[in-house]
Structures are given as C-alpha cells and as structure tokens.
Amino acid sequence: MMNSSSDGLVFAAGLFVGMLVLLEAGRRVGIRRMAQDPEGARRGLGVIEGAVFSLLGLLIAFTFSGAATRFDARRQLVIQEGNDIGTAWLRLDLLPPAAAAGLRDSFRRYLDSRIETYRKLPDIAAAEAEFARSIKLQGDIWAGAVAAAVSPERSPRKCSCCRH
C-alpha cells in the first residue's frame, strides 16, 4: 500500500510526463499548420496569449493573497499570546507574596523560552526542543499557581491590574 507522499510523487511524475507528451503533440500540430497555411496559423494567438497571461496573473494574485492571510493570522496569534502572558503576569498579584515571587521567575524563564522558540524557527528541531521546554515551564507555572491558590496562607490582596 502506498502512502500519501508516494501517491503525490506518482501524480506529479504522471502530470509532468503528460505535459511533455501534450507539448510535443502541440508542437507537431503547429508545425503542420504552419506548413499548410503560414498566415492563418498565427491568427488568434494574441487572444490565447492574453488569456493565458490573465490566468497566470490571477493565480499569482491568489497565491499572494493566501500567503498574506496566513501571515496576518500568525501575527495575530503571536499578539494574542503576548497579551495572555501579560494578563497572567498581572494575576500573580493575587497570590501570596512568597509564591508570586517564585512564579514571576518562572514566568521570566517561560517568556525567554517562547521568544527563543520563535528565534530558532529556521531550525525546526531546535524550535521543537525549545517549544517542549516552554510547555514544561508552563506546566510548572500552572502547578505552582494552583498550589499557591489553595494554600491556607492565601489572603485577599489588591491586584495591580485594576487597583481594587
């Protein structure tokens, strides 16, 4: 049984061979028409060229539009992640001071790890390793926050985000 990558390779090879066969057939038909009627063979080529170039331009426009949409979506995800980290940072003020200090240090390491993940993106293996590190730090922060939230020494505090 073939997997999807080999199916794609077979399809691409078949498409390439088909294109070569049809290109050669078109060349032979064109040579034959040029030999029979040199003036009539060139009639209508401007319209065909215009249509081909219009379709090519449309294809390029759709390609750039899709790329711009994906880029904007990724940029919005990065902005949303930064806002979420900032909100979580401000919520640390609601925890006891001893727990909040340790969690702030973990947050700094987490943020550094997330930044490094994006910096290492050309090297996928290094970016994945850094991402795994940030996921572990995220789990540690969550566990520490839950432990601090249920601790008996917890007392209501005013948060710095809204000054209540």
N, C-alpha and C. Protein backbone atom coordinates (compact mmCIF):
# COMPACT_ATOMS: atom_id res chain seq x y z
N MET A 1 0.85 -1.18 0.00
CA MET A 1 0.00 0.00 0.00
C MET A 1 0.89 1.23 0.00
N MET A 2 0.53 2.20 -0.80
CA MET A 2 1.34 3.42 -0.93
C MET A 2 0.87 4.46 0.06
N ASN A 3 1.82 5.25 0.54
CA ASN A 3 1.43 6.34 1.44
C ASN A 3 1.18 7.61 0.64
N SER A 4 0.72 8.64 1.32
CA SER A 4 0.30 9.85 0.61
C SER A 4 1.46 10.56 -0.08
N SER A 5 2.68 10.49 0.48
CA SER A 5 3.80 11.17 -0.17
C SER A 5 4.20 10.47 -1.47
N SER A 6 4.15 9.15 -1.49
CA SER A 6 4.48 8.44 -2.73
C SER A 6 3.34 8.60 -3.74
N ASP A 7 2.09 8.68 -3.27
CA ASP A 7 0.98 8.96 -4.19
C ASP A 7 1.17 10.32 -4.85
N GLY A 8 1.57 11.30 -4.08
CA GLY A 8 1.80 12.64 -4.62
C GLY A 8 2.94 12.64 -5.62
N LEU A 9 3.99 11.87 -5.32
CA LEU A 9 5.14 11.79 -6.22
C LEU A 9 4.74 11.14 -7.54
N VAL A 10 3.95 10.07 -7.48
CA VAL A 10 3.48 9.39 -8.70
C VAL A 10 2.60 10.34 -9.50
N PHE A 11 1.70 11.06 -8.82
CA PHE A 11 0.83 12.01 -9.50
C PHE A 11 1.65 13.11 -10.19
N ALA A 12 2.64 13.67 -9.49
CA ALA A 12 3.47 14.72 -10.07
C ALA A 12 4.25 14.21 -11.28
N ALA A 13 4.80 13.00 -11.17
CA ALA A 13 5.54 12.43 -12.29
C ALA A 13 4.61 12.20 -13.49
N GLY A 14 3.41 11.68 -13.24
CA GLY A 14 2.45 11.47 -14.32
C GLY A 14 2.03 12.78 -14.96
N LEU A 15 1.82 13.79 -14.14
CA LEU A 15 1.45 15.10 -14.66
C LEU A 15 2.58 15.67 -15.52
N PHE A 16 3.81 15.52 -15.09
CA PHE A 16 4.96 16.02 -15.85
C PHE A 16 5.08 15.30 -17.19
N VAL A 17 4.96 13.98 -17.17
CA VAL A 17 5.06 13.21 -18.42
C VAL A 17 3.91 13.60 -19.35
N GLY A 18 2.70 13.75 -18.80
CA GLY A 18 1.56 14.17 -19.62
C GLY A 18 1.79 15.54 -20.24
N MET A 19 2.36 16.46 -19.49
CA MET A 19 2.65 17.79 -20.02
C MET A 19 3.65 17.71 -21.17
N LEU A 20 4.68 16.88 -21.01
CA LEU A 20 5.67 16.74 -22.08
C LEU A 20 5.05 16.14 -23.34
N VAL A 21 4.20 15.13 -23.17
CA VAL A 21 3.56 14.49 -24.33
C VAL A 21 2.66 15.50 -25.05
N LEU A 22 1.85 16.25 -24.30
CA LEU A 22 0.96 17.22 -24.94
C LEU A 22 1.73 18.39 -25.54
N LEU A 23 2.83 18.77 -24.94
CA LEU A 23 3.67 19.82 -25.51
C LEU A 23 4.23 19.39 -26.86
N GLU A 24 4.70 18.17 -26.93
CA GLU A 24 5.22 17.65 -28.20
C GLU A 24 4.11 17.53 -29.24
N ALA A 25 2.93 17.09 -28.83
CA ALA A 25 1.80 16.97 -29.77
C ALA A 25 1.42 18.36 -30.29
N GLY A 26 1.39 19.34 -29.43
CA GLY A 26 1.07 20.70 -29.86
C GLY A 26 2.11 21.26 -30.80
N ARG A 27 3.36 20.96 -30.55
CA ARG A 27 4.43 21.42 -31.43
C ARG A 27 4.29 20.81 -32.82
N ARG A 28 3.98 19.55 -32.87
CA ARG A 28 3.83 18.88 -34.17
C ARG A 28 2.61 19.41 -34.94
N VAL A 29 1.50 19.65 -34.23
CA VAL A 29 0.31 20.22 -34.88
C VAL A 29 0.64 21.62 -35.39
N GLY A 30 1.36 22.40 -34.61
CA GLY A 30 1.73 23.75 -35.03
C GLY A 30 2.63 23.74 -36.26
N ILE A 31 3.58 22.84 -36.31
CA ILE A 31 4.48 22.74 -37.48
C ILE A 31 3.67 22.37 -38.72
N ARG A 32 2.74 21.45 -38.56
CA ARG A 32 1.91 21.03 -39.68
C ARG A 32 1.04 22.19 -40.18
N ARG A 33 0.43 22.96 -39.24
CA ARG A 33 -0.42 24.10 -39.64
C ARG A 33 0.41 25.19 -40.29
N MET A 34 1.61 25.42 -39.79
CA MET A 34 2.48 26.45 -40.38
C MET A 34 2.86 26.07 -41.81
N ALA A 35 3.06 24.79 -42.06
CA ALA A 35 3.42 24.35 -43.41
C ALA A 35 2.24 24.50 -44.37
N GLN A 36 1.02 24.29 -43.88
CA GLN A 36 -0.16 24.36 -44.74
C GLN A 36 -0.63 25.79 -44.97
N ASP A 37 -0.68 26.61 -43.90
CA ASP A 37 -1.21 27.97 -44.02
C ASP A 37 -0.44 28.89 -43.07
N PRO A 38 0.70 29.48 -43.54
CA PRO A 38 1.53 30.28 -42.64
C PRO A 38 0.81 31.49 -42.05
N GLU A 39 -0.05 32.18 -42.79
CA GLU A 39 -0.75 33.36 -42.28
C GLU A 39 -1.88 32.96 -41.33
N GLY A 40 -2.64 31.95 -41.66
CA GLY A 40 -3.78 31.53 -40.85
C GLY A 40 -3.37 30.88 -39.54
N ALA A 41 -2.18 30.31 -39.50
CA ALA A 41 -1.72 29.62 -38.30
C ALA A 41 -1.45 30.61 -37.16
N ARG A 42 -1.11 31.85 -37.49
CA ARG A 42 -0.79 32.84 -36.47
C ARG A 42 -2.02 33.63 -36.01
N ARG A 43 -3.13 33.50 -36.71
CA ARG A 43 -4.34 34.22 -36.36
C ARG A 43 -4.89 33.72 -35.02
N GLY A 44 -5.27 34.65 -34.15
CA GLY A 44 -5.89 34.29 -32.87
C GLY A 44 -4.91 34.00 -31.74
N LEU A 45 -3.61 34.04 -32.00
CA LEU A 45 -2.65 33.74 -30.94
C LEU A 45 -2.61 34.84 -29.88
N GLY A 46 -2.87 36.09 -30.28
CA GLY A 46 -2.87 37.20 -29.31
C GLY A 46 -3.93 37.02 -28.23
N VAL A 47 -5.09 36.54 -28.63
CA VAL A 47 -6.18 36.30 -27.68
C VAL A 47 -5.81 35.18 -26.72
N ILE A 48 -5.23 34.13 -27.25
CA ILE A 48 -4.83 32.99 -26.42
C ILE A 48 -3.73 33.41 -25.45
N GLU A 49 -2.75 34.17 -25.94
CA GLU A 49 -1.68 34.65 -25.05
C GLU A 49 -2.24 35.54 -23.95
N GLY A 50 -3.17 36.42 -24.31
CA GLY A 50 -3.78 37.29 -23.31
C GLY A 50 -4.53 36.50 -22.25
N ALA A 51 -5.25 35.47 -22.67
CA ALA A 51 -5.99 34.65 -21.72
C ALA A 51 -5.04 33.88 -20.80
N VAL A 52 -3.97 33.34 -21.38
CA VAL A 52 -3.00 32.59 -20.56
C VAL A 52 -2.33 33.51 -19.54
N PHE A 53 -1.91 34.70 -19.97
CA PHE A 53 -1.26 35.62 -19.04
C PHE A 53 -2.24 36.14 -17.99
N SER A 54 -3.51 36.31 -18.35
CA SER A 54 -4.51 36.73 -17.37
C SER A 54 -4.71 35.66 -16.30
N LEU A 55 -4.79 34.42 -16.73
CA LEU A 55 -4.94 33.33 -15.76
C LEU A 55 -3.71 33.20 -14.87
N LEU A 56 -2.54 33.39 -15.45
CA LEU A 56 -1.31 33.33 -14.66
C LEU A 56 -1.29 34.46 -13.63
N GLY A 57 -1.70 35.65 -14.04
CA GLY A 57 -1.77 36.77 -13.09
C GLY A 57 -2.77 36.52 -11.98
N LEU A 58 -3.90 35.92 -12.31
CA LEU A 58 -4.90 35.58 -11.31
C LEU A 58 -4.37 34.54 -10.33
N LEU A 59 -3.66 33.57 -10.83
CA LEU A 59 -3.06 32.54 -9.97
C LEU A 59 -2.04 33.14 -9.01
N ILE A 60 -1.21 34.04 -9.52
CA ILE A 60 -0.23 34.71 -8.67
C ILE A 60 -0.92 35.57 -7.62
N ALA A 61 -1.98 36.26 -8.00
CA ALA A 61 -2.72 37.10 -7.05
C ALA A 61 -3.32 36.26 -5.94
N PHE A 62 -3.93 35.12 -6.27
CA PHE A 62 -4.49 34.25 -5.24
C PHE A 62 -3.41 33.71 -4.32
N THR A 63 -2.25 33.39 -4.88
CA THR A 63 -1.15 32.88 -4.07
C THR A 63 -0.69 33.92 -3.06
N PHE A 64 -0.49 35.16 -3.51
CA PHE A 64 -0.06 36.21 -2.59
C PHE A 64 -1.15 36.54 -1.57
N SER A 65 -2.40 36.50 -1.97
CA SER A 65 -3.50 36.78 -1.04
C SER A 65 -3.54 35.73 0.06
N GLY A 66 -3.40 34.47 -0.30
CA GLY A 66 -3.39 33.39 0.69
C GLY A 66 -2.20 33.51 1.63
N ALA A 67 -1.04 33.84 1.09
CA ALA A 67 0.15 33.99 1.93
C ALA A 67 -0.02 35.16 2.90
N ALA A 68 -0.58 36.26 2.43
CA ALA A 68 -0.79 37.42 3.30
C ALA A 68 -1.79 37.10 4.40
N THR A 69 -2.81 36.34 4.09
CA THR A 69 -3.81 35.96 5.09
C THR A 69 -3.19 35.07 6.15
N ARG A 70 -2.40 34.09 5.74
CA ARG A 70 -1.74 33.21 6.72
C ARG A 70 -0.75 33.97 7.58
N PHE A 71 0.00 34.90 6.98
CA PHE A 71 0.95 35.71 7.74
C PHE A 71 0.22 36.55 8.78
N ASP A 72 -0.88 37.17 8.39
CA ASP A 72 -1.63 38.00 9.32
C ASP A 72 -2.22 37.17 10.46
N ALA A 73 -2.70 35.97 10.15
CA ALA A 73 -3.24 35.09 11.20
C ALA A 73 -2.15 34.70 12.19
N ARG A 74 -0.96 34.39 11.70
CA ARG A 74 0.14 34.04 12.61
C ARG A 74 0.54 35.24 13.46
N ARG A 75 0.57 36.41 12.86
CA ARG A 75 0.92 37.61 13.62
C ARG A 75 -0.11 37.86 14.72
N GLN A 76 -1.40 37.66 14.42
CA GLN A 76 -2.44 37.84 15.44
C GLN A 76 -2.30 36.82 16.57
N LEU A 77 -1.90 35.59 16.25
CA LEU A 77 -1.69 34.58 17.30
C LEU A 77 -0.53 34.97 18.22
N VAL A 78 0.53 35.52 17.66
CA VAL A 78 1.66 35.96 18.49
C VAL A 78 1.24 37.11 19.39
N ILE A 79 0.46 38.05 18.86
CA ILE A 79 -0.02 39.18 19.67
C ILE A 79 -0.93 38.67 20.78
N GLN A 80 -1.82 37.75 20.45
CA GLN A 80 -2.73 37.21 21.46
C GLN A 80 -1.95 36.48 22.55
N GLU A 81 -0.91 35.72 22.18
CA GLU A 81 -0.11 35.02 23.18
C GLU A 81 0.59 36.02 24.10
N GLY A 82 1.12 37.08 23.53
CA GLY A 82 1.77 38.11 24.36
C GLY A 82 0.79 38.76 25.31
N ASN A 83 -0.43 39.05 24.85
CA ASN A 83 -1.45 39.62 25.73
C ASN A 83 -1.84 38.65 26.84
N ASP A 84 -1.94 37.36 26.51
CA ASP A 84 -2.29 36.36 27.52
C ASP A 84 -1.21 36.24 28.58
N ILE A 85 0.05 36.28 28.16
CA ILE A 85 1.15 36.21 29.12
C ILE A 85 1.12 37.44 30.02
N GLY A 86 0.86 38.61 29.45
CA GLY A 86 0.79 39.83 30.25
C GLY A 86 -0.34 39.78 31.26
N THR A 87 -1.49 39.27 30.85
CA THR A 87 -2.63 39.15 31.76
C THR A 87 -2.31 38.18 32.90
N ALA A 88 -1.71 37.04 32.57
CA ALA A 88 -1.35 36.07 33.60
C ALA A 88 -0.32 36.66 34.56
N TRP A 89 0.61 37.46 34.05
CA TRP A 89 1.62 38.11 34.89
C TRP A 89 0.94 39.02 35.91
N LEU A 90 -0.03 39.79 35.47
CA LEU A 90 -0.74 40.68 36.38
C LEU A 90 -1.55 39.92 37.42
N ARG A 91 -2.04 38.76 37.07
CA ARG A 91 -2.84 37.97 38.02
C ARG A 91 -1.98 37.36 39.12
N LEU A 92 -0.68 37.35 38.97
CA LEU A 92 0.20 36.84 40.03
C LEU A 92 0.10 37.68 41.30
N ASP A 93 -0.34 38.92 41.17
CA ASP A 93 -0.50 39.78 42.34
C ASP A 93 -1.58 39.27 43.28
N LEU A 94 -2.43 38.39 42.81
CA LEU A 94 -3.49 37.84 43.65
C LEU A 94 -3.01 36.70 44.54
N LEU A 95 -1.81 36.22 44.31
CA LEU A 95 -1.25 35.10 45.09
C LEU A 95 -0.44 35.63 46.27
N PRO A 96 -0.16 34.75 47.25
CA PRO A 96 0.70 35.17 48.37
C PRO A 96 2.06 35.64 47.85
N PRO A 97 2.67 36.63 48.53
CA PRO A 97 3.94 37.20 48.04
C PRO A 97 5.05 36.17 47.84
N ALA A 98 5.16 35.20 48.71
CA ALA A 98 6.23 34.20 48.57
C ALA A 98 6.04 33.37 47.30
N ALA A 99 4.82 32.96 47.05
CA ALA A 99 4.55 32.16 45.86
C ALA A 99 4.65 33.00 44.60
N ALA A 100 4.20 34.25 44.67
CA ALA A 100 4.23 35.12 43.49
C ALA A 100 5.65 35.38 43.03
N ALA A 101 6.59 35.53 43.98
CA ALA A 101 7.99 35.80 43.60
C ALA A 101 8.57 34.64 42.81
N GLY A 102 8.34 33.42 43.29
CA GLY A 102 8.85 32.25 42.57
C GLY A 102 8.20 32.09 41.20
N LEU A 103 6.91 32.36 41.14
CA LEU A 103 6.21 32.23 39.86
C LEU A 103 6.64 33.31 38.87
N ARG A 104 6.97 34.49 39.36
CA ARG A 104 7.46 35.55 38.46
C ARG A 104 8.77 35.12 37.80
N ASP A 105 9.63 34.47 38.56
CA ASP A 105 10.89 33.97 37.99
C ASP A 105 10.59 32.90 36.92
N SER A 106 9.65 32.03 37.22
CA SER A 106 9.26 31.00 36.24
C SER A 106 8.66 31.65 34.99
N PHE A 107 7.87 32.69 35.17
CA PHE A 107 7.29 33.41 34.03
C PHE A 107 8.38 34.03 33.16
N ARG A 108 9.40 34.59 33.79
CA ARG A 108 10.50 35.17 33.01
C ARG A 108 11.18 34.10 32.17
N ARG A 109 11.44 32.94 32.78
CA ARG A 109 12.06 31.84 32.02
C ARG A 109 11.14 31.36 30.90
N TYR A 110 9.83 31.30 31.19
CA TYR A 110 8.86 30.89 30.18
C TYR A 110 8.85 31.87 29.00
N LEU A 111 8.83 33.15 29.29
CA LEU A 111 8.81 34.15 28.23
C LEU A 111 10.09 34.08 27.40
N ASP A 112 11.23 33.92 28.07
CA ASP A 112 12.50 33.77 27.34
C ASP A 112 12.46 32.53 26.44
N SER A 113 11.86 31.46 26.94
CA SER A 113 11.77 30.23 26.16
C SER A 113 10.86 30.42 24.95
N ARG A 114 9.74 31.11 25.11
CA ARG A 114 8.85 31.36 23.98
C ARG A 114 9.52 32.23 22.92
N ILE A 115 10.26 33.24 23.35
CA ILE A 115 10.98 34.09 22.40
C ILE A 115 12.03 33.27 21.65
N GLU A 116 12.74 32.42 22.37
CA GLU A 116 13.75 31.57 21.73
C GLU A 116 13.12 30.59 20.75
N THR A 117 11.91 30.12 21.05
CA THR A 117 11.22 29.22 20.11
C THR A 117 11.05 29.90 18.76
N TYR A 118 10.61 31.16 18.78
CA TYR A 118 10.41 31.89 17.52
C TYR A 118 11.74 32.22 16.85
N ARG A 119 12.76 32.50 17.62
CA ARG A 119 14.07 32.80 17.03
C ARG A 119 14.68 31.59 16.35
N LYS A 120 14.40 30.42 16.88
CA LYS A 120 15.02 29.20 16.34
C LYS A 120 14.20 28.57 15.21
N LEU A 121 13.14 29.22 14.76
CA LEU A 121 12.24 28.62 13.78
C LEU A 121 12.90 28.16 12.47
N PRO A 122 13.91 28.81 11.95
CA PRO A 122 14.50 28.21 10.74
C PRO A 122 15.04 26.79 10.98
N ASP A 123 15.47 26.52 12.22
CA ASP A 123 15.92 25.18 12.59
C ASP A 123 14.77 24.49 13.33
N ILE A 124 14.00 23.68 12.64
CA ILE A 124 12.77 23.10 13.18
C ILE A 124 13.05 22.24 14.41
N ALA A 125 14.10 21.44 14.37
CA ALA A 125 14.39 20.56 15.51
C ALA A 125 14.69 21.37 16.77
N ALA A 126 15.48 22.44 16.62
CA ALA A 126 15.81 23.28 17.78
C ALA A 126 14.57 24.01 18.28
N ALA A 127 13.72 24.46 17.36
CA ALA A 127 12.49 25.16 17.76
C ALA A 127 11.55 24.21 18.50
N GLU A 128 11.45 22.96 18.04
CA GLU A 128 10.59 21.99 18.72
C GLU A 128 11.12 21.67 20.11
N ALA A 129 12.43 21.58 20.25
CA ALA A 129 13.02 21.32 21.58
C ALA A 129 12.74 22.48 22.52
N GLU A 130 12.88 23.69 22.03
CA GLU A 130 12.61 24.87 22.85
C GLU A 130 11.12 24.97 23.18
N PHE A 131 10.28 24.60 22.24
CA PHE A 131 8.83 24.60 22.49
C PHE A 131 8.48 23.59 23.58
N ALA A 132 9.10 22.41 23.54
CA ALA A 132 8.86 21.40 24.59
C ALA A 132 9.29 21.94 25.95
N ARG A 133 10.40 22.68 25.98
CA ARG A 133 10.87 23.29 27.23
C ARG A 133 9.85 24.31 27.74
N SER A 134 9.29 25.11 26.84
CA SER A 134 8.31 26.11 27.26
C SER A 134 7.03 25.45 27.74
N ILE A 135 6.64 24.34 27.15
CA ILE A 135 5.45 23.61 27.61
C ILE A 135 5.68 23.06 29.02
N LYS A 136 6.88 22.57 29.29
CA LYS A 136 7.20 22.08 30.64
C LYS A 136 7.16 23.23 31.64
N LEU A 137 7.74 24.37 31.27
CA LEU A 137 7.69 25.54 32.15
C LEU A 137 6.24 25.98 32.39
N GLN A 138 5.43 25.92 31.36
CA GLN A 138 4.02 26.30 31.50
C GLN A 138 3.32 25.37 32.50
N GLY A 139 3.59 24.09 32.42
CA GLY A 139 3.03 23.14 33.38
C GLY A 139 3.48 23.41 34.80
N ASP A 140 4.77 23.74 34.95
CA ASP A 140 5.31 24.07 36.28
C ASP A 140 4.64 25.32 36.84
N ILE A 141 4.44 26.33 35.99
CA ILE A 141 3.79 27.57 36.44
C ILE A 141 2.36 27.27 36.87
N TRP A 142 1.67 26.47 36.09
CA TRP A 142 0.28 26.14 36.43
C TRP A 142 0.21 25.40 37.76
N ALA A 143 1.07 24.41 37.94
CA ALA A 143 1.08 23.64 39.19
C ALA A 143 1.39 24.56 40.37
N GLY A 144 2.37 25.45 40.20
CA GLY A 144 2.71 26.38 41.28
C GLY A 144 1.58 27.35 41.59
N ALA A 145 0.89 27.81 40.56
CA ALA A 145 -0.22 28.75 40.78
C ALA A 145 -1.39 28.06 41.48
N VAL A 146 -1.69 26.83 41.08
CA VAL A 146 -2.77 26.09 41.73
C VAL A 146 -2.43 25.82 43.19
N ALA A 147 -1.18 25.42 43.46
CA ALA A 147 -0.76 25.15 44.84
C ALA A 147 -0.84 26.42 45.68
N ALA A 148 -0.43 27.55 45.11
CA ALA A 148 -0.47 28.81 45.86
C ALA A 148 -1.90 29.28 46.07
N ALA A 149 -2.78 29.02 45.12
CA ALA A 149 -4.16 29.47 45.23
C ALA A 149 -4.93 28.72 46.31
N VAL A 150 -4.58 27.49 46.57
CA VAL A 150 -5.29 26.70 47.58
C VAL A 150 -4.56 26.65 48.91
N SER A 151 -3.45 27.36 49.02
CA SER A 151 -2.68 27.33 50.27
C SER A 151 -3.44 28.06 51.37
N PRO A 152 -3.28 27.62 52.64
CA PRO A 152 -4.01 28.25 53.74
C PRO A 152 -3.52 29.67 54.05
N GLU A 153 -2.30 30.01 53.66
CA GLU A 153 -1.77 31.34 53.95
C GLU A 153 -2.26 32.40 52.97
N ARG A 154 -3.05 31.98 52.00
CA ARG A 154 -3.56 32.91 51.00
C ARG A 154 -4.52 33.90 51.65
N SER A 155 -4.33 35.15 51.34
CA SER A 155 -5.23 36.19 51.83
C SER A 155 -5.61 37.08 50.66
N PRO A 156 -6.79 37.64 50.70
CA PRO A 156 -7.19 38.52 49.59
C PRO A 156 -6.26 39.72 49.50
N ARG A 157 -5.80 39.99 48.29
CA ARG A 157 -4.91 41.12 48.06
C ARG A 157 -5.47 41.96 46.94
N LYS A 158 -5.03 43.17 46.91
CA LYS A 158 -5.41 44.03 45.79
C LYS A 158 -4.49 43.72 44.62
N CYS A 159 -5.05 43.63 43.43
CA CYS A 159 -4.23 43.36 42.26
C CYS A 159 -3.77 44.69 41.65
N SER A 160 -2.62 44.64 41.00
CA SER A 160 -2.06 45.85 40.41
C SER A 160 -2.70 46.18 39.06
N CYS A 161 -3.48 45.25 38.51
CA CYS A 161 -4.05 45.47 37.18
C CYS A 161 -5.22 46.44 37.22
N CYS A 162 -6.03 46.41 38.29
CA CYS A 162 -7.21 47.26 38.30
C CYS A 162 -7.29 48.11 39.58
N ARG A 163 -6.36 47.98 40.49
CA ARG A 163 -6.25 48.78 41.72
C ARG A 163 -7.49 48.67 42.62
N HIS A 164 -8.11 47.49 42.69
CA HIS A 164 -9.26 47.26 43.59
C HIS A 164 -8.81 46.72 44.90
